[in-house]
């Protein structure tokens, strides 16, 4: 069995239950702007969403995303952790280097890490504002 020294986690949808926050904000923004959609249109990730709504044009799509991000940002402090996240991180941190690599920015993540007392469980935290190219580019992982 292969043994790993470094274990890297994502925040959104992995440790933090943020996917519903983003999805609900996106749906509300689409409705508010008069666009109809079904659940499959939203998709499982941002790239899929962009592909399904590309017919709106990049300017309209960018505005919808900006509005949805602003709406979701107000709900970030209400994020909950997935069950047993702290247990898993604690056990791994006993004999591994543990890192957090996220596209979220420090001003969103740092208060959450403090709130859940997770700062001491990560040897490194790489946020979207630490790198010039975010995931899926490899820069954040290489940085970690």
N, C-alpha and C. Protein backbone atom coordinates (compact mmCIF):
# COMPACT_ATOMS: atom_id res chain seq x y z
N UNK A 1 0.85 -1.18 0.00
CA UNK A 1 0.00 0.00 0.00
C UNK A 1 0.89 1.24 0.00
N UNK A 2 0.51 2.21 -0.82
CA UNK A 2 1.27 3.45 -0.90
C UNK A 2 1.01 4.30 0.34
N UNK A 3 2.05 4.90 0.86
CA UNK A 3 1.91 5.76 2.05
C UNK A 3 2.14 7.22 1.62
N UNK A 4 1.26 8.07 2.08
CA UNK A 4 1.35 9.47 1.74
C UNK A 4 1.80 10.28 2.95
N UNK A 5 2.64 11.26 2.70
CA UNK A 5 3.11 12.15 3.75
C UNK A 5 2.22 13.38 3.83
N UNK A 6 1.73 13.82 2.68
CA UNK A 6 0.91 15.02 2.59
C UNK A 6 -0.51 14.66 2.17
N UNK A 7 -1.47 15.22 2.87
CA UNK A 7 -2.88 15.03 2.55
C UNK A 7 -3.48 16.42 2.35
N UNK A 8 -4.03 16.67 1.16
CA UNK A 8 -4.62 17.98 0.86
C UNK A 8 -6.13 17.85 0.73
N UNK A 9 -6.82 18.81 1.33
CA UNK A 9 -8.29 18.84 1.29
C UNK A 9 -8.76 20.09 0.57
N UNK A 10 -9.92 19.98 -0.03
CA UNK A 10 -10.64 21.13 -0.56
C UNK A 10 -11.63 21.56 0.52
N UNK A 11 -12.10 22.78 0.45
CA UNK A 11 -13.07 23.25 1.43
C UNK A 11 -14.50 23.04 0.95
N UNK A 12 -14.83 23.66 -0.18
CA UNK A 12 -16.21 23.68 -0.67
C UNK A 12 -16.69 22.30 -1.07
N UNK A 13 -17.67 21.81 -0.35
CA UNK A 13 -18.26 20.53 -0.66
C UNK A 13 -17.47 19.33 -0.15
N UNK A 14 -16.33 19.57 0.47
CA UNK A 14 -15.51 18.48 1.01
C UNK A 14 -15.49 18.53 2.53
N UNK A 15 -15.08 19.66 3.08
CA UNK A 15 -15.11 19.86 4.53
C UNK A 15 -16.30 20.74 4.92
N UNK A 16 -16.51 21.80 4.16
CA UNK A 16 -17.60 22.72 4.45
C UNK A 16 -18.80 22.48 3.55
N UNK A 17 -19.97 22.53 4.13
CA UNK A 17 -21.22 22.32 3.38
C UNK A 17 -21.62 23.62 2.67
N UNK A 18 -20.86 23.98 1.66
CA UNK A 18 -21.07 25.25 0.97
C UNK A 18 -21.78 25.12 -0.36
N UNK A 19 -21.89 23.93 -0.88
CA UNK A 19 -22.46 23.78 -2.22
C UNK A 19 -23.90 24.24 -2.30
N UNK A 20 -24.68 23.98 -1.26
CA UNK A 20 -26.07 24.44 -1.26
C UNK A 20 -26.15 25.96 -1.20
N UNK A 21 -25.22 26.58 -0.49
CA UNK A 21 -25.21 28.04 -0.40
C UNK A 21 -25.01 28.63 -1.80
N UNK A 22 -24.02 28.13 -2.52
CA UNK A 22 -23.74 28.61 -3.87
C UNK A 22 -24.90 28.29 -4.81
N UNK A 23 -25.38 27.06 -4.78
CA UNK A 23 -26.45 26.63 -5.66
C UNK A 23 -27.72 27.45 -5.44
N UNK A 24 -28.10 27.66 -4.19
CA UNK A 24 -29.31 28.44 -3.88
C UNK A 24 -29.17 29.89 -4.32
N UNK A 25 -27.98 30.46 -4.14
CA UNK A 25 -27.75 31.85 -4.57
C UNK A 25 -27.83 31.96 -6.09
N UNK A 26 -27.28 30.98 -6.78
CA UNK A 26 -27.31 30.98 -8.24
C UNK A 26 -28.75 30.85 -8.75
N UNK A 27 -29.51 29.96 -8.15
CA UNK A 27 -30.91 29.78 -8.55
C UNK A 27 -31.72 31.05 -8.30
N UNK A 28 -31.53 31.65 -7.14
CA UNK A 28 -32.25 32.88 -6.81
C UNK A 28 -31.89 34.00 -7.78
N UNK A 29 -30.61 34.09 -8.14
CA UNK A 29 -30.17 35.13 -9.07
C UNK A 29 -30.75 34.90 -10.46
N UNK A 30 -30.76 33.65 -10.91
CA UNK A 30 -31.35 33.35 -12.22
C UNK A 30 -32.84 33.71 -12.23
N UNK A 31 -33.56 33.30 -11.18
CA UNK A 31 -35.00 33.62 -11.10
C UNK A 31 -35.23 35.13 -11.10
N UNK A 32 -34.45 35.83 -10.28
CA UNK A 32 -34.58 37.29 -10.14
C UNK A 32 -34.39 37.99 -11.49
N UNK A 33 -33.50 37.44 -12.32
CA UNK A 33 -33.20 38.03 -13.61
C UNK A 33 -34.05 37.46 -14.74
N UNK A 34 -35.07 36.65 -14.38
CA UNK A 34 -36.04 36.18 -15.35
C UNK A 34 -35.62 34.99 -16.20
N UNK A 35 -34.62 34.23 -15.75
CA UNK A 35 -34.17 33.06 -16.51
C UNK A 35 -34.76 31.80 -15.91
N UNK A 36 -35.29 30.95 -16.77
CA UNK A 36 -35.83 29.67 -16.30
C UNK A 36 -34.73 28.62 -16.41
N UNK A 37 -34.83 27.60 -15.59
CA UNK A 37 -33.81 26.56 -15.55
C UNK A 37 -34.39 25.34 -14.86
N UNK A 38 -33.71 24.23 -14.99
CA UNK A 38 -34.03 23.06 -14.18
C UNK A 38 -32.77 22.69 -13.40
N UNK A 39 -32.89 21.77 -12.49
CA UNK A 39 -31.75 21.42 -11.63
C UNK A 39 -30.54 20.96 -12.44
N UNK A 40 -30.77 20.25 -13.53
CA UNK A 40 -29.65 19.78 -14.35
C UNK A 40 -28.90 20.93 -15.00
N UNK A 41 -29.58 22.04 -15.25
CA UNK A 41 -28.91 23.20 -15.85
C UNK A 41 -27.86 23.79 -14.92
N UNK A 42 -28.09 23.71 -13.64
CA UNK A 42 -27.14 24.26 -12.67
C UNK A 42 -25.87 23.40 -12.69
N UNK A 43 -26.03 22.10 -12.77
CA UNK A 43 -24.89 21.21 -12.89
C UNK A 43 -24.14 21.00 -11.59
N UNK A 44 -23.15 20.15 -11.67
CA UNK A 44 -22.38 19.77 -10.50
C UNK A 44 -21.18 20.67 -10.28
N UNK A 45 -20.86 21.51 -11.25
CA UNK A 45 -19.71 22.39 -11.08
C UNK A 45 -19.87 23.63 -11.95
N UNK A 46 -19.00 24.57 -11.71
CA UNK A 46 -19.10 25.86 -12.37
C UNK A 46 -18.90 25.75 -13.89
N UNK A 47 -17.98 24.92 -14.32
CA UNK A 47 -17.73 24.78 -15.76
C UNK A 47 -18.97 24.25 -16.49
N UNK A 48 -19.65 23.29 -15.87
CA UNK A 48 -20.87 22.74 -16.46
C UNK A 48 -21.95 23.81 -16.53
N UNK A 49 -22.08 24.59 -15.46
CA UNK A 49 -23.05 25.69 -15.45
C UNK A 49 -22.75 26.67 -16.58
N UNK A 50 -21.50 27.09 -16.70
CA UNK A 50 -21.12 28.04 -17.76
C UNK A 50 -21.46 27.49 -19.14
N UNK A 51 -21.18 26.23 -19.36
CA UNK A 51 -21.45 25.63 -20.67
C UNK A 51 -22.95 25.63 -20.98
N UNK A 52 -23.76 25.37 -19.97
CA UNK A 52 -25.21 25.29 -20.20
C UNK A 52 -25.86 26.66 -20.38
N UNK A 53 -25.19 27.71 -19.88
CA UNK A 53 -25.76 29.06 -20.00
C UNK A 53 -24.93 29.96 -20.91
N UNK A 54 -24.06 29.39 -21.72
CA UNK A 54 -23.21 30.19 -22.60
C UNK A 54 -24.02 30.99 -23.62
N UNK A 55 -25.23 30.51 -23.92
CA UNK A 55 -26.08 31.21 -24.89
C UNK A 55 -26.47 32.61 -24.42
N UNK A 56 -26.33 32.89 -23.13
CA UNK A 56 -26.65 34.22 -22.60
C UNK A 56 -25.57 35.24 -22.96
N UNK A 57 -24.40 34.75 -23.29
CA UNK A 57 -23.26 35.63 -23.56
C UNK A 57 -22.44 35.84 -22.30
N UNK A 58 -21.17 36.10 -22.50
CA UNK A 58 -20.25 36.16 -21.36
C UNK A 58 -20.55 37.33 -20.42
N UNK A 59 -20.99 38.47 -20.94
CA UNK A 59 -21.26 39.63 -20.08
C UNK A 59 -22.44 39.34 -19.14
N UNK A 60 -23.52 38.81 -19.67
CA UNK A 60 -24.70 38.48 -18.86
C UNK A 60 -24.34 37.39 -17.85
N UNK A 61 -23.63 36.37 -18.32
CA UNK A 61 -23.24 35.27 -17.45
C UNK A 61 -22.33 35.76 -16.33
N UNK A 62 -21.37 36.61 -16.64
CA UNK A 62 -20.48 37.17 -15.61
C UNK A 62 -21.27 37.96 -14.56
N UNK A 63 -22.27 38.73 -15.02
CA UNK A 63 -23.09 39.50 -14.08
C UNK A 63 -23.91 38.60 -13.17
N UNK A 64 -24.46 37.52 -13.73
CA UNK A 64 -25.23 36.57 -12.92
C UNK A 64 -24.33 35.93 -11.87
N UNK A 65 -23.14 35.53 -12.28
CA UNK A 65 -22.20 34.90 -11.35
C UNK A 65 -21.78 35.88 -10.26
N UNK A 66 -21.48 37.12 -10.63
CA UNK A 66 -21.08 38.13 -9.62
C UNK A 66 -22.20 38.36 -8.61
N UNK A 67 -23.42 38.46 -9.10
CA UNK A 67 -24.57 38.67 -8.21
C UNK A 67 -24.77 37.47 -7.29
N UNK A 68 -24.65 36.27 -7.84
CA UNK A 68 -24.81 35.05 -7.04
C UNK A 68 -23.70 34.93 -5.99
N UNK A 69 -22.48 35.29 -6.38
CA UNK A 69 -21.37 35.25 -5.42
C UNK A 69 -21.60 36.22 -4.26
N UNK A 70 -22.08 37.41 -4.59
CA UNK A 70 -22.36 38.40 -3.53
C UNK A 70 -23.44 37.87 -2.59
N UNK A 71 -24.47 37.25 -3.16
CA UNK A 71 -25.55 36.70 -2.35
C UNK A 71 -25.02 35.55 -1.48
N UNK A 72 -24.23 34.67 -2.06
CA UNK A 72 -23.73 33.52 -1.30
C UNK A 72 -22.74 33.96 -0.22
N UNK A 73 -21.99 35.01 -0.48
CA UNK A 73 -21.00 35.50 0.49
C UNK A 73 -21.66 35.87 1.82
N UNK A 74 -22.86 36.39 1.76
CA UNK A 74 -23.55 36.77 3.00
C UNK A 74 -23.93 35.55 3.84
N UNK A 75 -23.99 34.38 3.20
CA UNK A 75 -24.35 33.16 3.93
C UNK A 75 -23.15 32.32 4.37
N UNK A 76 -21.95 32.72 3.99
CA UNK A 76 -20.75 31.95 4.34
C UNK A 76 -20.60 31.74 5.84
N UNK A 77 -20.89 32.74 6.67
CA UNK A 77 -20.74 32.51 8.12
C UNK A 77 -21.66 31.42 8.68
N UNK A 78 -22.67 31.01 7.92
CA UNK A 78 -23.59 29.98 8.41
C UNK A 78 -23.16 28.56 8.01
N UNK A 79 -22.03 28.45 7.32
CA UNK A 79 -21.56 27.15 6.84
C UNK A 79 -21.38 26.18 8.00
N UNK A 80 -21.76 24.94 7.74
CA UNK A 80 -21.53 23.86 8.70
C UNK A 80 -20.49 22.92 8.12
N UNK A 81 -19.85 22.15 8.99
CA UNK A 81 -18.90 21.13 8.53
C UNK A 81 -19.63 19.82 8.29
N UNK A 82 -19.07 19.03 7.38
CA UNK A 82 -19.60 17.68 7.23
C UNK A 82 -19.26 16.88 8.48
N UNK A 83 -20.17 15.97 8.80
CA UNK A 83 -20.01 15.14 9.99
C UNK A 83 -18.65 14.45 9.99
N UNK A 84 -17.99 14.47 11.11
CA UNK A 84 -16.71 13.81 11.37
C UNK A 84 -15.52 14.45 10.68
N UNK A 85 -15.70 15.60 10.05
CA UNK A 85 -14.57 16.29 9.42
C UNK A 85 -13.46 16.57 10.42
N UNK A 86 -13.83 17.07 11.58
CA UNK A 86 -12.84 17.40 12.60
C UNK A 86 -12.12 16.13 13.07
N UNK A 87 -12.86 15.06 13.25
CA UNK A 87 -12.25 13.79 13.66
C UNK A 87 -11.23 13.30 12.64
N UNK A 88 -11.60 13.34 11.38
CA UNK A 88 -10.70 12.88 10.32
C UNK A 88 -9.45 13.75 10.27
N UNK A 89 -9.63 15.07 10.29
CA UNK A 89 -8.48 15.97 10.25
C UNK A 89 -7.57 15.78 11.46
N UNK A 90 -8.17 15.61 12.62
CA UNK A 90 -7.39 15.43 13.85
C UNK A 90 -6.54 14.16 13.77
N UNK A 91 -7.14 13.08 13.33
CA UNK A 91 -6.42 11.80 13.24
C UNK A 91 -5.32 11.86 12.19
N UNK A 92 -5.62 12.44 11.05
CA UNK A 92 -4.60 12.55 10.01
C UNK A 92 -3.44 13.43 10.45
N UNK A 93 -3.76 14.51 11.14
CA UNK A 93 -2.73 15.47 11.54
C UNK A 93 -1.76 14.88 12.57
N UNK A 94 -2.13 13.78 13.17
CA UNK A 94 -1.24 13.14 14.16
C UNK A 94 0.05 12.64 13.52
N UNK A 95 -0.01 12.19 12.25
CA UNK A 95 1.21 11.67 11.63
C UNK A 95 1.36 12.01 10.14
N UNK A 96 0.60 12.98 9.69
CA UNK A 96 0.69 13.44 8.29
C UNK A 96 0.74 14.96 8.27
N UNK A 97 1.23 15.49 7.17
CA UNK A 97 1.11 16.92 6.91
C UNK A 97 -0.24 17.11 6.23
N UNK A 98 -1.06 18.02 6.76
CA UNK A 98 -2.41 18.22 6.24
C UNK A 98 -2.53 19.65 5.73
N UNK A 99 -3.06 19.79 4.52
CA UNK A 99 -3.22 21.10 3.93
C UNK A 99 -4.64 21.33 3.43
N UNK A 100 -4.98 22.59 3.32
CA UNK A 100 -6.26 23.01 2.75
C UNK A 100 -5.94 23.80 1.49
N UNK A 101 -6.54 23.40 0.37
CA UNK A 101 -6.35 24.07 -0.91
C UNK A 101 -7.73 24.40 -1.44
N UNK A 102 -8.04 25.69 -1.54
CA UNK A 102 -9.39 26.11 -1.90
C UNK A 102 -9.36 27.32 -2.81
N UNK A 103 -10.38 27.46 -3.64
CA UNK A 103 -10.52 28.67 -4.45
C UNK A 103 -11.11 29.82 -3.64
N UNK A 104 -11.67 29.51 -2.48
CA UNK A 104 -12.20 30.55 -1.60
C UNK A 104 -11.05 31.45 -1.14
N UNK A 105 -11.37 32.68 -0.79
CA UNK A 105 -10.34 33.63 -0.38
C UNK A 105 -10.17 33.63 1.14
N UNK A 106 -9.03 34.12 1.59
CA UNK A 106 -8.71 34.11 3.01
C UNK A 106 -9.76 34.81 3.88
N UNK A 107 -10.31 35.91 3.38
CA UNK A 107 -11.29 36.65 4.20
C UNK A 107 -12.55 35.84 4.44
N UNK A 108 -12.81 34.83 3.60
CA UNK A 108 -13.94 33.92 3.82
C UNK A 108 -13.53 32.71 4.65
N UNK A 109 -12.37 32.15 4.36
CA UNK A 109 -11.94 30.90 5.00
C UNK A 109 -11.39 31.11 6.41
N UNK A 110 -10.56 32.10 6.61
CA UNK A 110 -9.88 32.27 7.90
C UNK A 110 -10.85 32.36 9.08
N UNK A 111 -11.95 33.14 8.97
CA UNK A 111 -12.90 33.16 10.10
C UNK A 111 -13.57 31.81 10.35
N UNK A 112 -13.80 31.05 9.29
CA UNK A 112 -14.42 29.73 9.45
C UNK A 112 -13.45 28.77 10.13
N UNK A 113 -12.19 28.81 9.73
CA UNK A 113 -11.19 27.95 10.36
C UNK A 113 -11.08 28.28 11.85
N UNK A 114 -11.12 29.56 12.16
CA UNK A 114 -11.07 29.97 13.57
C UNK A 114 -12.34 29.54 14.30
N UNK A 115 -13.49 29.75 13.69
CA UNK A 115 -14.77 29.39 14.30
C UNK A 115 -14.84 27.91 14.65
N UNK A 116 -14.33 27.06 13.75
CA UNK A 116 -14.37 25.62 13.98
C UNK A 116 -13.10 25.09 14.64
N UNK A 117 -12.20 26.00 15.03
CA UNK A 117 -10.92 25.64 15.66
C UNK A 117 -10.13 24.65 14.79
N UNK A 118 -10.05 24.95 13.51
CA UNK A 118 -9.36 24.08 12.57
C UNK A 118 -7.95 24.55 12.21
N UNK A 119 -7.60 25.81 12.55
CA UNK A 119 -6.31 26.35 12.12
C UNK A 119 -5.15 25.44 12.49
N UNK A 120 -5.17 24.89 13.70
CA UNK A 120 -4.05 24.08 14.16
C UNK A 120 -3.99 22.71 13.48
N UNK A 121 -5.02 22.34 12.74
CA UNK A 121 -5.04 21.04 12.07
C UNK A 121 -4.47 21.09 10.65
N UNK A 122 -4.20 22.31 10.16
CA UNK A 122 -3.64 22.47 8.83
C UNK A 122 -2.22 23.00 8.92
N UNK A 123 -1.32 22.31 8.24
CA UNK A 123 0.07 22.76 8.17
C UNK A 123 0.22 23.87 7.14
N UNK A 124 -0.68 23.88 6.17
CA UNK A 124 -0.66 24.91 5.13
C UNK A 124 -2.10 25.16 4.68
N UNK A 125 -2.40 26.42 4.41
CA UNK A 125 -3.69 26.80 3.83
C UNK A 125 -3.38 27.65 2.59
N UNK A 126 -3.80 27.17 1.44
CA UNK A 126 -3.61 27.91 0.19
C UNK A 126 -5.00 28.28 -0.33
N UNK A 127 -5.24 29.58 -0.39
CA UNK A 127 -6.55 30.09 -0.85
C UNK A 127 -6.43 30.66 -2.25
N UNK A 128 -7.57 30.95 -2.83
CA UNK A 128 -7.61 31.49 -4.18
C UNK A 128 -6.86 32.79 -4.34
N UNK A 129 -6.76 33.57 -3.26
CA UNK A 129 -6.04 34.84 -3.37
C UNK A 129 -4.54 34.70 -3.08
N UNK A 130 -4.06 33.47 -2.92
CA UNK A 130 -2.63 33.22 -2.73
C UNK A 130 -1.92 32.90 -4.04
N UNK A 131 -2.67 32.59 -5.08
CA UNK A 131 -2.08 32.15 -6.35
C UNK A 131 -2.63 32.97 -7.51
N UNK A 132 -1.90 32.96 -8.62
CA UNK A 132 -2.37 33.71 -9.79
C UNK A 132 -3.37 32.90 -10.60
N UNK A 133 -3.24 31.56 -10.56
CA UNK A 133 -4.18 30.70 -11.28
C UNK A 133 -4.80 29.72 -10.29
N UNK A 134 -6.12 29.72 -10.22
CA UNK A 134 -6.83 28.86 -9.27
C UNK A 134 -7.07 27.48 -9.85
N UNK A 135 -7.51 26.56 -8.97
CA UNK A 135 -7.90 25.23 -9.44
C UNK A 135 -8.95 25.39 -10.54
N UNK A 136 -8.92 24.56 -11.53
CA UNK A 136 -8.23 23.28 -11.65
C UNK A 136 -6.78 23.39 -12.08
N UNK A 137 -6.24 24.59 -12.28
CA UNK A 137 -4.82 24.73 -12.54
C UNK A 137 -4.05 24.13 -11.36
N UNK A 138 -2.88 23.61 -11.59
CA UNK A 138 -2.10 22.93 -10.56
C UNK A 138 -1.38 23.88 -9.59
N UNK A 139 -1.33 25.18 -9.89
CA UNK A 139 -0.58 26.12 -9.05
C UNK A 139 -0.89 26.03 -7.56
N UNK A 140 -2.16 25.99 -7.15
CA UNK A 140 -2.43 25.93 -5.71
C UNK A 140 -1.89 24.64 -5.06
N UNK A 141 -1.98 23.55 -5.77
CA UNK A 141 -1.51 22.28 -5.22
C UNK A 141 0.01 22.27 -5.15
N UNK A 142 0.65 22.77 -6.19
CA UNK A 142 2.11 22.87 -6.18
C UNK A 142 2.57 23.79 -5.06
N UNK A 143 1.85 24.89 -4.87
CA UNK A 143 2.17 25.82 -3.79
C UNK A 143 2.06 25.15 -2.43
N UNK A 144 1.03 24.38 -2.24
CA UNK A 144 0.85 23.66 -0.95
C UNK A 144 1.98 22.66 -0.76
